[in-house]
Amino acid sequence: MLTRRDLLVGVSLAGVASPLLAAESKFPQGRYFDMHTHLGQTWNSTQVLTAEVLLRWMDAHDIAQAVVLPLINPEASSYPLTSNFVLSETKPYRDRLIPFCSIDPRTSYRGGHKGLVDMLNVYIEAGAKGFGEHKPGIAFDDPRNMAVFAACGEAGLPVLFHLDNERNTDTPGLPGLERVLKANPDTTFIGHGPGWWGSISGDATQADLGGYPKGKTTPGGAIDRLMENYPNIYGELSAGSGANSISRDLEFGREFLIRRQDRVMFGTDFLSPGQAVPQFELFEKDLELPVEVQAKIFRDNARRLLALP
């Protein structure tokens, strides 16, 4: 019998998508699928973002649908944005706003692995299509993270993680992430954050994993190596870290996107009215990607990965 993850992987690995798929599908019209947004007030320095304001911003930027991510880890934001909050706020707009859920790996729970899976299934029944933004202040391969990742694999939820020098920590080359990928082949992971995108370069230092490195990108980065060896790792290009990873060396960045066109997804990390989003200028003016590559990165990869109709 096929599991939910079997279906997800089968859809995500289906043949090369036609650029016309977006127009032929049941998706709302729009050039982009945004893999990373938030609702509510994320930081004490940002404004509250409502679903209605987010949707108007999406309309203005040709975004068909957007993933809305909770933030429950105390290191993740100034204010907790719970899974139940995200599920409630997106419920009237599920044709366009796609909710994820989250559980802090340090949470007290009973029942071991089954207890975690049961908790996730409650969120799935309420509409959650993925897990994250996963952003706890522990090592990426911490046993508590491993328990959550295994539960997500059984439940069929892709894990969108943030990696830097404070949250889901790792070292240059991302050996911790590699251990996670080996141990959890049935779990799909989506990389985000300075530690992930800094690792596009083969000369990434520990400081680079916590910042926005500049200068030419060196071949042989951990991202290329991991994507070559593990079919369960993807990346989404949101925030300053995602934009910087491509714009710091446009020639390398363009070649990387073409090379990894089946593993990368558009995202913004939009979380407050008036926020600047560098991804639009990067993709619309600077890169000139082939049309078929744009179709995959802008929309089709996310649609397949989340098994959306």
Protein backbone atom coordinates (compact mmCIF):
# COMPACT_ATOMS: atom_id res chain seq x y z
CA MET A 1 0.00 0.00 0.00
CA LEU A 2 1.36 3.42 -0.90
CA THR A 3 2.04 5.76 2.02
CA ARG A 4 1.34 9.48 1.93
CA ARG A 5 5.07 10.09 1.52
CA ASP A 6 5.21 7.64 -1.42
CA LEU A 7 2.60 9.74 -3.13
CA LEU A 8 4.46 12.96 -2.35
CA VAL A 9 7.76 11.64 -3.64
CA GLY A 10 6.15 10.13 -6.71
CA VAL A 11 4.59 13.44 -7.58
CA SER A 12 7.76 15.42 -6.82
CA LEU A 13 9.86 13.16 -9.03
CA ALA A 14 7.42 13.14 -11.91
CA GLY A 15 8.78 14.22 -15.30
CA VAL A 16 9.90 17.70 -16.27
CA ALA A 17 7.02 20.12 -15.93
CA SER A 18 5.81 22.17 -18.83
CA PRO A 19 5.71 25.95 -18.32
CA LEU A 20 2.06 25.69 -19.35
CA LEU A 21 1.22 23.53 -16.34
CA ALA A 22 0.57 26.60 -14.21
CA ALA A 23 -2.16 27.80 -16.54
CA GLU A 24 -3.64 24.29 -16.93
CA SER A 25 -3.80 23.46 -13.22
CA LYS A 26 -6.47 24.35 -10.68
CA PHE A 27 -4.09 26.72 -8.96
CA PRO A 28 -5.00 30.41 -8.73
CA GLN A 29 -3.36 32.47 -11.44
CA GLY A 30 0.04 33.94 -10.68
CA ARG A 31 3.67 33.62 -11.66
CA TYR A 32 4.98 32.56 -8.25
CA PHE A 33 4.35 30.11 -5.45
CA ASP A 34 5.91 31.59 -2.28
CA MET A 35 7.38 28.84 -0.10
CA HIS A 36 7.94 31.06 2.94
CA THR A 37 5.69 33.66 4.60
CA HIS A 38 4.43 34.38 8.12
CA LEU A 39 1.30 35.95 9.64
CA GLY A 40 0.85 37.91 12.88
CA GLN A 41 3.64 39.88 14.54
CA THR A 42 6.93 38.05 14.20
CA TRP A 43 9.41 40.47 15.83
CA ASN A 44 8.91 43.30 18.30
CA SER A 45 10.33 45.57 15.56
CA THR A 46 7.83 44.52 12.86
CA GLN A 47 4.16 45.21 12.24
CA VAL A 48 1.30 42.76 12.42
CA LEU A 49 0.58 41.07 9.09
CA THR A 50 -2.99 39.88 8.54
CA ALA A 51 -4.12 37.32 6.01
CA GLU A 52 -5.99 40.00 4.08
CA VAL A 53 -2.94 42.24 3.81
CA LEU A 54 -0.76 39.29 2.82
CA LEU A 55 -3.21 38.37 0.05
CA ARG A 56 -3.25 41.93 -1.29
CA TRP A 57 0.55 41.94 -1.31
CA MET A 58 0.52 38.59 -3.14
CA ASP A 59 -1.85 40.01 -5.76
CA ALA A 60 0.44 42.98 -6.30
CA HIS A 61 3.43 40.68 -6.87
CA ASP A 62 1.82 37.99 -9.03
CA ILE A 63 1.96 35.31 -6.32
CA ALA A 64 -0.65 32.59 -6.73
CA GLN A 65 -0.21 30.84 -3.38
CA ALA A 66 1.99 31.03 -0.32
CA VAL A 67 3.02 28.73 2.49
CA VAL A 68 2.35 30.26 5.93
CA LEU A 69 4.77 29.05 8.60
CA PRO A 70 4.37 29.03 12.38
CA LEU A 71 7.25 30.09 14.62
CA ILE A 72 7.09 28.35 17.99
CA ASN A 73 10.73 27.95 19.02
CA PRO A 74 11.76 30.65 21.55
CA GLU A 75 14.85 31.43 19.43
CA ALA A 76 12.73 31.85 16.28
CA SER A 77 10.93 35.14 16.89
CA SER A 78 9.91 37.72 19.48
CA TYR A 79 6.37 36.36 19.68
CA PRO A 80 5.27 32.74 19.28
CA LEU A 81 3.14 32.09 16.21
CA THR A 82 1.54 28.74 16.96
CA SER A 83 0.40 26.03 14.59
CA ASN A 84 -3.19 26.53 15.73
CA PHE A 85 -2.90 30.27 15.00
CA VAL A 86 -1.65 29.58 11.46
CA LEU A 87 -4.33 26.95 10.83
CA SER A 88 -7.05 29.31 12.07
CA GLU A 89 -5.85 32.39 10.18
CA THR A 90 -5.47 30.54 6.88
CA LYS A 91 -8.69 28.52 7.07
CA PRO A 92 -10.87 30.99 5.09
CA TYR A 93 -8.22 31.22 2.35
CA ARG A 94 -6.94 27.67 1.87
CA ASP A 95 -7.13 28.03 -1.90
CA ARG A 96 -4.17 30.43 -1.62
CA LEU A 97 -2.64 30.22 1.87
CA ILE A 98 -1.10 26.84 2.66
CA PRO A 99 -0.53 26.19 6.39
CA PHE A 100 2.39 24.31 7.92
CA CYS A 101 2.66 23.12 11.53
CA SER A 102 5.48 22.81 14.04
CA ILE A 103 6.47 21.09 17.28
CA ASP A 104 9.48 22.19 19.30
CA PRO A 105 11.78 19.17 19.74
CA ARG A 106 12.15 20.09 23.44
CA THR A 107 8.39 19.78 24.00
CA SER A 108 7.22 17.37 26.68
CA TYR A 109 5.15 14.56 25.17
CA ARG A 110 4.22 10.97 25.92
CA GLY A 111 4.13 7.89 23.78
CA GLY A 112 7.53 8.20 22.13
CA HIS A 113 7.57 8.10 18.33
CA LYS A 114 3.89 7.23 18.09
CA GLY A 115 3.02 10.13 20.37
CA LEU A 116 4.82 12.57 18.08
CA VAL A 117 3.19 11.12 14.96
CA ASP A 118 -0.23 11.36 16.60
CA MET A 119 0.41 15.03 17.40
CA LEU A 120 1.36 15.71 13.79
CA ASN A 121 -1.70 13.88 12.49
CA VAL A 122 -3.94 16.24 14.43
CA TYR A 123 -2.41 19.15 12.51
CA ILE A 124 -2.61 17.26 9.21
CA GLU A 125 -6.31 16.62 9.74
CA ALA A 126 -6.72 20.37 10.31
CA GLY A 127 -5.04 21.13 6.97
CA ALA A 128 -1.26 21.28 7.54
CA LYS A 129 0.76 20.38 4.44
CA GLY A 130 4.25 20.56 5.90
CA PHE A 131 6.36 21.09 9.03
CA GLY A 132 8.24 24.28 9.88
CA GLU A 133 9.66 26.80 10.08
CA HIS A 134 11.80 24.54 12.22
CA LYS A 135 14.15 26.84 14.11
CA PRO A 136 15.19 25.49 17.55
CA GLY A 137 18.39 26.50 19.29
CA ILE A 138 20.01 23.06 19.26
CA ALA A 139 22.38 21.17 16.98
CA PHE A 140 20.85 20.00 13.73
CA ASP A 141 21.57 16.34 14.49
CA ASP A 142 20.54 16.55 18.15
CA PRO A 143 18.62 13.37 19.14
CA ARG A 144 15.53 15.47 19.90
CA ASN A 145 15.59 16.82 16.35
CA MET A 146 16.10 13.29 15.04
CA ALA A 147 12.92 12.18 16.80
CA VAL A 148 10.90 14.98 15.19
CA PHE A 149 12.38 14.34 11.74
CA ALA A 150 11.53 10.63 11.92
CA ALA A 151 7.96 11.44 12.94
CA CYS A 152 7.61 13.88 10.04
CA GLY A 153 8.81 11.17 7.67
CA GLU A 154 6.15 8.76 8.86
CA ALA A 155 3.46 11.43 8.75
CA GLY A 156 4.49 12.51 5.24
CA LEU A 157 5.32 16.11 6.16
CA PRO A 158 8.26 17.87 4.46
CA VAL A 159 10.43 19.76 6.96
CA LEU A 160 11.34 23.38 6.20
CA PHE A 161 14.29 24.24 8.44
CA HIS A 162 16.32 27.34 9.31
CA LEU A 163 20.05 26.81 9.84
CA ASP A 164 22.54 29.31 11.25
CA ASN A 165 25.00 29.62 14.14
CA GLU A 166 22.22 29.82 16.74
CA ARG A 167 19.45 27.59 15.39
CA ASN A 168 19.84 24.03 14.05
CA THR A 169 23.56 24.59 14.32
CA ASP A 170 26.16 22.82 12.18
CA THR A 171 29.72 23.27 10.98
CA PRO A 172 31.21 24.02 7.53
CA GLY A 173 30.41 21.23 5.10
CA LEU A 174 27.15 20.56 7.01
CA PRO A 175 28.10 17.16 8.46
CA GLY A 176 25.22 17.33 10.93
CA LEU A 177 22.70 17.85 8.17
CA GLU A 178 24.26 14.98 6.23
CA ARG A 179 23.83 12.67 9.22
CA VAL A 180 20.19 13.72 9.39
CA LEU A 181 19.64 13.03 5.69
CA LYS A 182 21.23 9.58 5.97
CA ALA A 183 19.20 8.67 9.05
CA ASN A 184 15.89 9.94 7.64
CA PRO A 185 15.65 8.91 3.97
CA ASP A 186 11.86 8.95 4.19
CA THR A 187 11.74 12.59 5.27
CA THR A 188 11.94 15.45 2.78
CA PHE A 189 13.91 18.50 3.95
CA ILE A 190 13.79 22.09 2.64
CA GLY A 191 16.81 24.24 3.47
CA HIS A 192 16.63 27.93 4.46
CA GLY A 193 18.71 30.45 6.35
CA PRO A 194 22.30 31.76 6.44
CA GLY A 195 23.87 28.44 7.39
CA TRP A 196 22.18 26.63 4.56
CA TRP A 197 22.69 29.22 1.83
CA GLY A 198 26.17 30.19 2.99
CA SER A 199 27.07 26.58 2.23
CA ILE A 200 26.56 27.15 -1.49
CA SER A 201 30.28 28.01 -1.56
CA GLY A 202 33.05 25.47 -1.11
CA ASP A 203 35.06 27.86 1.09
CA ALA A 204 32.26 28.59 3.59
CA THR A 205 33.54 29.33 7.10
CA GLN A 206 31.79 29.07 10.45
CA ALA A 207 31.20 32.83 10.33
CA ASP A 208 29.61 32.48 6.87
CA LEU A 209 27.06 30.06 8.34
CA GLY A 210 25.77 32.92 10.45
CA GLY A 211 25.87 35.78 7.95
CA TYR A 212 25.67 36.95 4.37
CA PRO A 213 29.07 36.28 2.76
CA LYS A 214 30.10 38.37 -0.22
CA GLY A 215 32.47 37.75 -3.08
CA LYS A 216 32.83 35.04 -5.68
CA THR A 217 31.35 31.64 -4.92
CA THR A 218 33.77 28.74 -4.85
CA PRO A 219 32.66 25.44 -6.45
CA GLY A 220 32.36 22.36 -4.26
CA GLY A 221 29.87 23.73 -1.74
CA ALA A 222 27.95 21.47 0.63
CA ILE A 223 24.61 22.24 -1.04
CA ASP A 224 25.70 20.87 -4.40
CA ARG A 225 27.27 17.83 -2.77
CA LEU A 226 24.22 17.04 -0.64
CA MET A 227 21.79 17.54 -3.51
CA GLU A 228 23.91 15.25 -5.66
CA ASN A 229 23.92 12.46 -3.08
CA TYR A 230 20.57 12.75 -1.27
CA PRO A 231 17.22 12.93 -3.10
CA ASN A 232 15.42 14.18 0.03
CA ILE A 233 17.04 17.65 0.28
CA TYR A 234 15.65 20.80 -1.37
CA GLY A 235 16.20 24.53 -0.86
CA GLU A 236 13.98 27.61 -0.87
CA LEU A 237 15.37 31.01 -1.81
CA SER A 238 13.68 33.27 0.72
CA ALA A 239 15.05 36.09 2.89
CA GLY A 240 18.33 37.93 2.58
CA SER A 241 20.24 34.66 2.83
CA GLY A 242 18.55 33.11 -0.20
CA ALA A 243 18.83 36.23 -2.35
CA ASN A 244 22.45 36.81 -1.31
CA SER A 245 23.48 33.26 -2.18
CA ILE A 246 22.59 33.92 -5.83
CA SER A 247 23.33 37.66 -6.16
CA ARG A 248 26.84 37.49 -4.62
CA ASP A 249 28.05 35.79 -7.80
CA LEU A 250 25.38 36.02 -10.50
CA GLU A 251 27.23 33.80 -12.96
CA PHE A 252 27.66 30.98 -10.46
CA GLY A 253 24.19 31.58 -9.04
CA ARG A 254 22.52 31.30 -12.43
CA GLU A 255 24.44 28.11 -13.24
CA PHE A 256 23.53 26.68 -9.84
CA LEU A 257 19.81 27.34 -10.38
CA ILE A 258 19.91 25.71 -13.79
CA ARG A 259 21.90 22.76 -12.42
CA ARG A 260 19.57 22.30 -9.43
CA GLN A 261 16.36 23.43 -11.11
CA ASP A 262 14.40 20.44 -9.74
CA ARG A 263 15.48 21.08 -6.12
CA VAL A 264 15.03 24.82 -5.60
CA MET A 265 11.90 26.85 -4.87
CA PHE A 266 10.99 30.52 -4.81
CA GLY A 267 10.34 32.13 -1.41
CA THR A 268 10.34 35.58 0.19
CA ASP A 269 10.06 35.30 4.01
CA PHE A 270 7.53 38.14 3.83
CA LEU A 271 6.32 38.90 7.36
CA SER A 272 5.55 42.61 7.71
CA PRO A 273 3.81 45.31 5.63
CA GLY A 274 6.28 47.43 3.67
CA GLN A 275 9.07 44.85 3.85
CA ALA A 276 11.64 44.98 1.05
CA VAL A 277 11.88 41.73 -0.92
CA PRO A 278 15.01 41.43 -3.13
CA GLN A 279 13.89 38.22 -4.83
CA PHE A 280 11.66 39.97 -7.39
CA GLU A 281 14.39 42.16 -8.88
CA LEU A 282 16.86 39.28 -8.74
CA PHE A 283 14.65 36.97 -10.77
CA GLU A 284 12.96 39.49 -13.02
CA LYS A 285 15.96 41.67 -13.96
CA ASP A 286 19.27 40.04 -13.08
CA LEU A 287 19.20 36.34 -13.92
CA GLU A 288 17.33 35.80 -17.21
CA LEU A 289 16.70 32.12 -16.50
CA PRO A 290 15.32 29.87 -19.24
CA VAL A 291 11.53 29.80 -19.25
CA GLU A 292 11.34 26.12 -18.32
CA VAL A 293 13.67 26.69 -15.34
CA GLN A 294 11.59 29.63 -14.16
CA ALA A 295 8.44 27.47 -14.29
CA LYS A 296 10.00 24.87 -12.00
CA ILE A 297 11.59 27.23 -9.49
CA PHE A 298 8.80 29.79 -9.40
CA ARG A 299 5.87 27.36 -8.99
CA ASP A 300 6.04 23.79 -10.19
CA ASN A 301 8.59 22.33 -7.75
CA ALA A 302 6.58 23.53 -4.74
CA ARG A 303 3.33 22.25 -6.23
CA ARG A 304 4.79 18.79 -6.77
CA LEU A 305 6.57 18.64 -3.42
CA LEU A 306 3.40 19.51 -1.48
CA ALA A 307 1.21 17.33 -3.74
CA LEU A 308 -1.19 20.21 -4.32
CA PRO A 309 -3.87 19.78 -7.04
